[in-house]
Amino acid sequence: MADKAEDKKRSPSVKSILGGDILANDFFRRQTKLLILMMVFILFYIHNRYASQQQQIEIDKLKKELIDIKYDALTRSSELMEKSRQSRIEEYVSEEQSDLQTSTNPPYVIKKD
């Protein structure tokens, strides 16, 4: 009779696992702190992975936004260069019928002695 009781303690059945009786086993009672620590580490791992995935998504979004802003800045820069060319400025001044004219004398540098 004692041998049958020991066999039941040694080999856990599916019923004892699903019913939760296995947690009352002496081994699990002694290792409770370790099991709790393992669960905390598992939760920390899951949280860390989720946070890193969210950061990676944010990095990808910011990279795309940076590329769009660079292209926009390049477009605006080329438009400014095109509008500030001397020939375009002369056209604009002539259309406005201003008294301004292009200088025929070359510029010269005033030196300080």
N, C-alpha and C. Protein backbone atom coordinates (compact mmCIF):
# COMPACT_ATOMS: atom_id res chain seq x y z
N MET A 1 0.83 -1.18 0.00
CA MET A 1 0.00 0.00 0.00
C MET A 1 0.87 1.25 0.00
N ALA A 2 1.99 1.24 0.73
CA ALA A 2 2.89 2.38 0.77
C ALA A 2 3.60 2.55 -0.57
N ASP A 3 3.87 1.42 -1.29
CA ASP A 3 4.52 1.50 -2.60
C ASP A 3 3.62 2.21 -3.61
N LYS A 4 2.31 1.94 -3.55
CA LYS A 4 1.39 2.59 -4.48
C LYS A 4 1.31 4.10 -4.22
N ALA A 5 1.36 4.50 -2.96
CA ALA A 5 1.32 5.92 -2.62
C ALA A 5 2.59 6.62 -3.12
N GLU A 6 3.74 5.96 -3.02
CA GLU A 6 4.99 6.54 -3.51
C GLU A 6 4.99 6.65 -5.03
N ASP A 7 4.41 5.65 -5.73
CA ASP A 7 4.35 5.68 -7.19
C ASP A 7 3.49 6.86 -7.66
N LYS A 8 2.41 7.13 -6.90
CA LYS A 8 1.55 8.24 -7.27
C LYS A 8 2.29 9.57 -7.10
N LYS A 9 3.14 9.67 -6.08
CA LYS A 9 3.90 10.90 -5.85
C LYS A 9 4.97 11.07 -6.93
N ARG A 10 5.58 10.01 -7.37
CA ARG A 10 6.69 10.08 -8.31
C ARG A 10 6.24 10.35 -9.74
N SER A 11 5.18 9.77 -10.18
CA SER A 11 4.75 9.94 -11.57
C SER A 11 3.46 10.77 -11.60
N PRO A 12 3.58 12.03 -12.00
CA PRO A 12 2.38 12.86 -12.05
C PRO A 12 1.51 12.46 -13.24
N SER A 13 0.23 12.39 -13.01
CA SER A 13 -0.69 12.04 -14.08
C SER A 13 -1.21 13.31 -14.75
N VAL A 14 -1.84 13.13 -15.86
CA VAL A 14 -2.41 14.27 -16.60
C VAL A 14 -3.48 14.93 -15.76
N LYS A 15 -4.22 14.13 -15.02
CA LYS A 15 -5.29 14.66 -14.18
C LYS A 15 -4.70 15.55 -13.08
N SER A 16 -3.58 15.15 -12.49
CA SER A 16 -2.98 15.96 -11.42
C SER A 16 -2.37 17.24 -11.99
N ILE A 17 -1.84 17.18 -13.21
CA ILE A 17 -1.27 18.38 -13.83
C ILE A 17 -2.37 19.36 -14.17
N LEU A 18 -3.42 18.90 -14.83
CA LEU A 18 -4.53 19.78 -15.22
C LEU A 18 -5.33 20.27 -14.01
N GLY A 19 -5.42 19.47 -13.01
CA GLY A 19 -6.16 19.84 -11.81
C GLY A 19 -5.39 20.78 -10.90
N GLY A 20 -4.08 20.90 -11.10
CA GLY A 20 -3.27 21.79 -10.28
C GLY A 20 -2.70 21.10 -9.05
N ASP A 21 -2.93 19.81 -8.91
CA ASP A 21 -2.39 19.09 -7.75
C ASP A 21 -0.87 19.01 -7.78
N ILE A 22 -0.29 19.12 -8.97
CA ILE A 22 1.16 19.02 -9.08
C ILE A 22 1.85 20.19 -8.38
N LEU A 23 1.15 21.33 -8.27
CA LEU A 23 1.73 22.49 -7.60
C LEU A 23 1.86 22.29 -6.10
N ALA A 24 1.10 21.37 -5.56
CA ALA A 24 1.19 21.07 -4.13
C ALA A 24 2.33 20.09 -3.85
N ASN A 25 2.99 19.61 -4.89
CA ASN A 25 4.11 18.70 -4.76
C ASN A 25 5.24 19.38 -3.99
N ASP A 26 6.03 18.59 -3.26
CA ASP A 26 7.10 19.12 -2.42
C ASP A 26 8.16 19.87 -3.25
N PHE A 27 8.45 19.36 -4.43
CA PHE A 27 9.45 20.00 -5.30
C PHE A 27 9.02 21.42 -5.66
N PHE A 28 7.78 21.58 -6.06
CA PHE A 28 7.29 22.90 -6.47
C PHE A 28 7.19 23.85 -5.28
N ARG A 29 6.87 23.33 -4.11
CA ARG A 29 6.81 24.19 -2.93
C ARG A 29 8.20 24.71 -2.57
N ARG A 30 9.22 23.88 -2.75
CA ARG A 30 10.58 24.32 -2.45
C ARG A 30 11.10 25.32 -3.49
N GLN A 31 10.65 25.21 -4.71
CA GLN A 31 11.15 26.04 -5.81
C GLN A 31 10.24 27.21 -6.15
N THR A 32 9.35 27.60 -5.24
CA THR A 32 8.38 28.66 -5.50
C THR A 32 9.07 29.98 -5.84
N LYS A 33 10.08 30.35 -5.08
CA LYS A 33 10.78 31.62 -5.34
C LYS A 33 11.46 31.61 -6.70
N LEU A 34 12.05 30.49 -7.07
CA LEU A 34 12.69 30.38 -8.37
C LEU A 34 11.66 30.49 -9.49
N LEU A 35 10.53 29.83 -9.34
CA LEU A 35 9.48 29.89 -10.36
C LEU A 35 8.93 31.31 -10.51
N ILE A 36 8.75 32.01 -9.40
CA ILE A 36 8.28 33.39 -9.46
C ILE A 36 9.32 34.28 -10.15
N LEU A 37 10.60 34.07 -9.83
CA LEU A 37 11.67 34.82 -10.47
C LEU A 37 11.70 34.55 -11.98
N MET A 38 11.52 33.31 -12.36
CA MET A 38 11.48 32.96 -13.78
C MET A 38 10.31 33.65 -14.48
N MET A 39 9.17 33.69 -13.85
CA MET A 39 8.00 34.36 -14.44
C MET A 39 8.25 35.85 -14.59
N VAL A 40 8.90 36.47 -13.60
CA VAL A 40 9.22 37.90 -13.70
C VAL A 40 10.17 38.14 -14.88
N PHE A 41 11.18 37.27 -15.04
CA PHE A 41 12.10 37.42 -16.16
C PHE A 41 11.39 37.22 -17.49
N ILE A 42 10.47 36.29 -17.56
CA ILE A 42 9.71 36.06 -18.79
C ILE A 42 8.87 37.29 -19.13
N LEU A 43 8.21 37.86 -18.14
CA LEU A 43 7.41 39.07 -18.37
C LEU A 43 8.31 40.23 -18.80
N PHE A 44 9.47 40.37 -18.16
CA PHE A 44 10.41 41.42 -18.54
C PHE A 44 10.88 41.23 -19.98
N TYR A 45 11.17 40.01 -20.37
CA TYR A 45 11.61 39.70 -21.73
C TYR A 45 10.54 40.07 -22.75
N ILE A 46 9.30 39.70 -22.46
CA ILE A 46 8.20 40.01 -23.38
C ILE A 46 8.03 41.52 -23.51
N HIS A 47 8.06 42.22 -22.39
CA HIS A 47 7.92 43.68 -22.42
C HIS A 47 9.08 44.33 -23.18
N ASN A 48 10.28 43.86 -22.95
CA ASN A 48 11.45 44.42 -23.62
C ASN A 48 11.37 44.22 -25.13
N ARG A 49 10.94 43.05 -25.55
CA ARG A 49 10.81 42.77 -26.99
C ARG A 49 9.74 43.65 -27.61
N TYR A 50 8.62 43.80 -26.95
CA TYR A 50 7.54 44.65 -27.46
C TYR A 50 8.01 46.10 -27.57
N ALA A 51 8.71 46.59 -26.56
CA ALA A 51 9.19 47.97 -26.58
C ALA A 51 10.20 48.18 -27.71
N SER A 52 11.08 47.22 -27.92
CA SER A 52 12.08 47.36 -28.99
C SER A 52 11.40 47.32 -30.36
N GLN A 53 10.36 46.52 -30.53
CA GLN A 53 9.63 46.51 -31.79
C GLN A 53 8.94 47.85 -32.04
N GLN A 54 8.37 48.43 -31.00
CA GLN A 54 7.73 49.73 -31.14
C GLN A 54 8.76 50.81 -31.50
N GLN A 55 9.94 50.75 -30.91
CA GLN A 55 10.99 51.71 -31.23
C GLN A 55 11.47 51.53 -32.67
N GLN A 56 11.56 50.30 -33.12
CA GLN A 56 11.99 50.04 -34.50
C GLN A 56 10.96 50.58 -35.49
N ILE A 57 9.68 50.43 -35.18
CA ILE A 57 8.62 50.99 -36.04
C ILE A 57 8.74 52.50 -36.08
N GLU A 58 8.99 53.13 -34.94
CA GLU A 58 9.14 54.59 -34.87
C GLU A 58 10.36 55.04 -35.66
N ILE A 59 11.47 54.30 -35.57
CA ILE A 59 12.68 54.64 -36.32
C ILE A 59 12.42 54.57 -37.82
N ASP A 60 11.75 53.52 -38.27
CA ASP A 60 11.43 53.38 -39.69
C ASP A 60 10.55 54.54 -40.17
N LYS A 61 9.57 54.91 -39.36
CA LYS A 61 8.68 56.01 -39.72
C LYS A 61 9.46 57.32 -39.82
N LEU A 62 10.37 57.57 -38.87
CA LEU A 62 11.16 58.79 -38.89
C LEU A 62 12.14 58.82 -40.06
N LYS A 63 12.68 57.66 -40.44
CA LYS A 63 13.57 57.61 -41.60
C LYS A 63 12.83 57.99 -42.87
N LYS A 64 11.61 57.48 -43.04
CA LYS A 64 10.81 57.83 -44.21
C LYS A 64 10.49 59.33 -44.21
N GLU A 65 10.15 59.85 -43.05
CA GLU A 65 9.84 61.28 -42.93
C GLU A 65 11.08 62.12 -43.26
N LEU A 66 12.25 61.68 -42.82
CA LEU A 66 13.49 62.40 -43.10
C LEU A 66 13.78 62.43 -44.60
N ILE A 67 13.57 61.33 -45.27
CA ILE A 67 13.78 61.29 -46.71
C ILE A 67 12.84 62.25 -47.41
N ASP A 68 11.57 62.27 -47.01
CA ASP A 68 10.60 63.19 -47.60
C ASP A 68 11.02 64.64 -47.38
N ILE A 69 11.49 64.96 -46.19
CA ILE A 69 11.91 66.33 -45.88
C ILE A 69 13.15 66.70 -46.69
N LYS A 70 14.08 65.77 -46.87
CA LYS A 70 15.27 66.05 -47.67
C LYS A 70 14.89 66.35 -49.11
N TYR A 71 13.98 65.56 -49.68
CA TYR A 71 13.54 65.81 -51.05
C TYR A 71 12.83 67.15 -51.16
N ASP A 72 12.03 67.49 -50.18
CA ASP A 72 11.33 68.77 -50.18
C ASP A 72 12.33 69.93 -50.10
N ALA A 73 13.34 69.78 -49.25
CA ALA A 73 14.36 70.83 -49.13
C ALA A 73 15.15 70.97 -50.43
N LEU A 74 15.45 69.87 -51.09
CA LEU A 74 16.16 69.91 -52.36
C LEU A 74 15.32 70.61 -53.42
N THR A 75 14.03 70.32 -53.45
CA THR A 75 13.13 70.96 -54.40
C THR A 75 13.07 72.46 -54.16
N ARG A 76 12.91 72.86 -52.92
CA ARG A 76 12.85 74.30 -52.59
C ARG A 76 14.16 74.99 -52.91
N SER A 77 15.27 74.33 -52.65
CA SER A 77 16.58 74.91 -52.95
C SER A 77 16.75 75.13 -54.45
N SER A 78 16.34 74.17 -55.25
CA SER A 78 16.47 74.33 -56.70
C SER A 78 15.53 75.41 -57.21
N GLU A 79 14.33 75.53 -56.64
CA GLU A 79 13.42 76.61 -57.03
C GLU A 79 14.01 77.97 -56.70
N LEU A 80 14.62 78.09 -55.52
CA LEU A 80 15.25 79.34 -55.12
C LEU A 80 16.41 79.69 -56.05
N MET A 81 17.22 78.71 -56.38
CA MET A 81 18.35 78.95 -57.30
C MET A 81 17.83 79.41 -58.66
N GLU A 82 16.76 78.80 -59.12
CA GLU A 82 16.21 79.15 -60.43
C GLU A 82 15.64 80.57 -60.40
N LYS A 83 14.99 80.95 -59.32
CA LYS A 83 14.39 82.29 -59.23
C LYS A 83 15.43 83.37 -58.97
N SER A 84 16.58 83.03 -58.41
CA SER A 84 17.57 84.05 -58.09
C SER A 84 18.67 84.17 -59.14
N ARG A 85 18.53 83.50 -60.27
CA ARG A 85 19.49 83.68 -61.36
C ARG A 85 19.39 85.10 -61.89
N GLN A 86 20.49 85.60 -62.39
CA GLN A 86 20.52 86.98 -62.86
C GLN A 86 19.54 87.20 -64.00
N SER A 87 19.44 86.27 -64.91
CA SER A 87 18.53 86.44 -66.05
C SER A 87 17.07 86.50 -65.59
N ARG A 88 16.71 85.71 -64.61
CA ARG A 88 15.33 85.74 -64.10
C ARG A 88 15.04 87.05 -63.39
N ILE A 89 16.03 87.56 -62.65
CA ILE A 89 15.84 88.83 -61.96
C ILE A 89 15.69 89.96 -62.98
N GLU A 90 16.50 89.91 -64.04
CA GLU A 90 16.39 90.93 -65.09
C GLU A 90 15.02 90.87 -65.76
N GLU A 91 14.51 89.68 -66.00
CA GLU A 91 13.17 89.54 -66.59
C GLU A 91 12.11 90.14 -65.67
N TYR A 92 12.22 89.84 -64.40
CA TYR A 92 11.24 90.35 -63.44
C TYR A 92 11.27 91.87 -63.37
N VAL A 93 12.47 92.45 -63.34
CA VAL A 93 12.60 93.91 -63.27
C VAL A 93 12.07 94.56 -64.54
N SER A 94 12.34 93.94 -65.69
CA SER A 94 11.84 94.52 -66.95
C SER A 94 10.32 94.41 -67.05
N GLU A 95 9.74 93.36 -66.50
CA GLU A 95 8.28 93.22 -66.52
C GLU A 95 7.61 94.26 -65.63
N GLU A 96 8.25 94.61 -64.54
CA GLU A 96 7.69 95.58 -63.60
C GLU A 96 7.92 97.02 -64.08
N GLN A 97 8.65 97.18 -65.15
CA GLN A 97 8.97 98.48 -65.74
C GLN A 97 9.57 99.42 -64.71
N SER A 98 10.62 98.92 -64.10
CA SER A 98 11.35 99.69 -63.10
C SER A 98 12.48 100.45 -63.79
N ASP A 99 13.01 101.45 -63.11
CA ASP A 99 14.13 102.22 -63.63
C ASP A 99 15.46 101.50 -63.43
N LEU A 100 15.44 100.36 -62.75
CA LEU A 100 16.67 99.61 -62.52
C LEU A 100 17.19 99.02 -63.82
N GLN A 101 18.51 99.03 -63.96
CA GLN A 101 19.14 98.46 -65.14
C GLN A 101 20.37 97.67 -64.70
N THR A 102 20.80 96.79 -65.58
CA THR A 102 22.01 96.03 -65.32
C THR A 102 23.21 96.95 -65.51
N SER A 103 24.12 96.86 -64.59
CA SER A 103 25.30 97.71 -64.64
C SER A 103 26.20 97.31 -65.80
N THR A 104 26.71 98.32 -66.48
CA THR A 104 27.64 98.04 -67.58
C THR A 104 29.08 98.11 -67.10
N ASN A 105 29.31 98.72 -65.95
CA ASN A 105 30.65 98.79 -65.39
C ASN A 105 30.89 97.59 -64.47
N PRO A 106 32.08 97.00 -64.53
CA PRO A 106 32.36 95.87 -63.64
C PRO A 106 32.49 96.34 -62.20
N PRO A 107 32.19 95.49 -61.26
CA PRO A 107 32.31 95.88 -59.86
C PRO A 107 33.80 96.02 -59.51
N TYR A 108 34.08 96.82 -58.50
CA TYR A 108 35.45 96.99 -58.05
C TYR A 108 35.48 96.95 -56.54
N VAL A 109 36.64 96.60 -56.00
CA VAL A 109 36.82 96.42 -54.57
C VAL A 109 37.44 97.67 -53.98
N ILE A 110 36.88 98.14 -52.90
CA ILE A 110 37.44 99.28 -52.19
C ILE A 110 38.36 98.73 -51.12
N LYS A 111 39.62 99.12 -51.19
CA LYS A 111 40.61 98.60 -50.24
C LYS A 111 40.80 99.60 -49.11
N LYS A 112 40.95 99.08 -47.93
CA LYS A 112 41.25 99.91 -46.76
C LYS A 112 42.76 99.92 -46.56
N ASP A 113 43.31 101.06 -46.36
CA ASP A 113 44.76 101.12 -46.12
C ASP A 113 45.07 101.26 -44.67
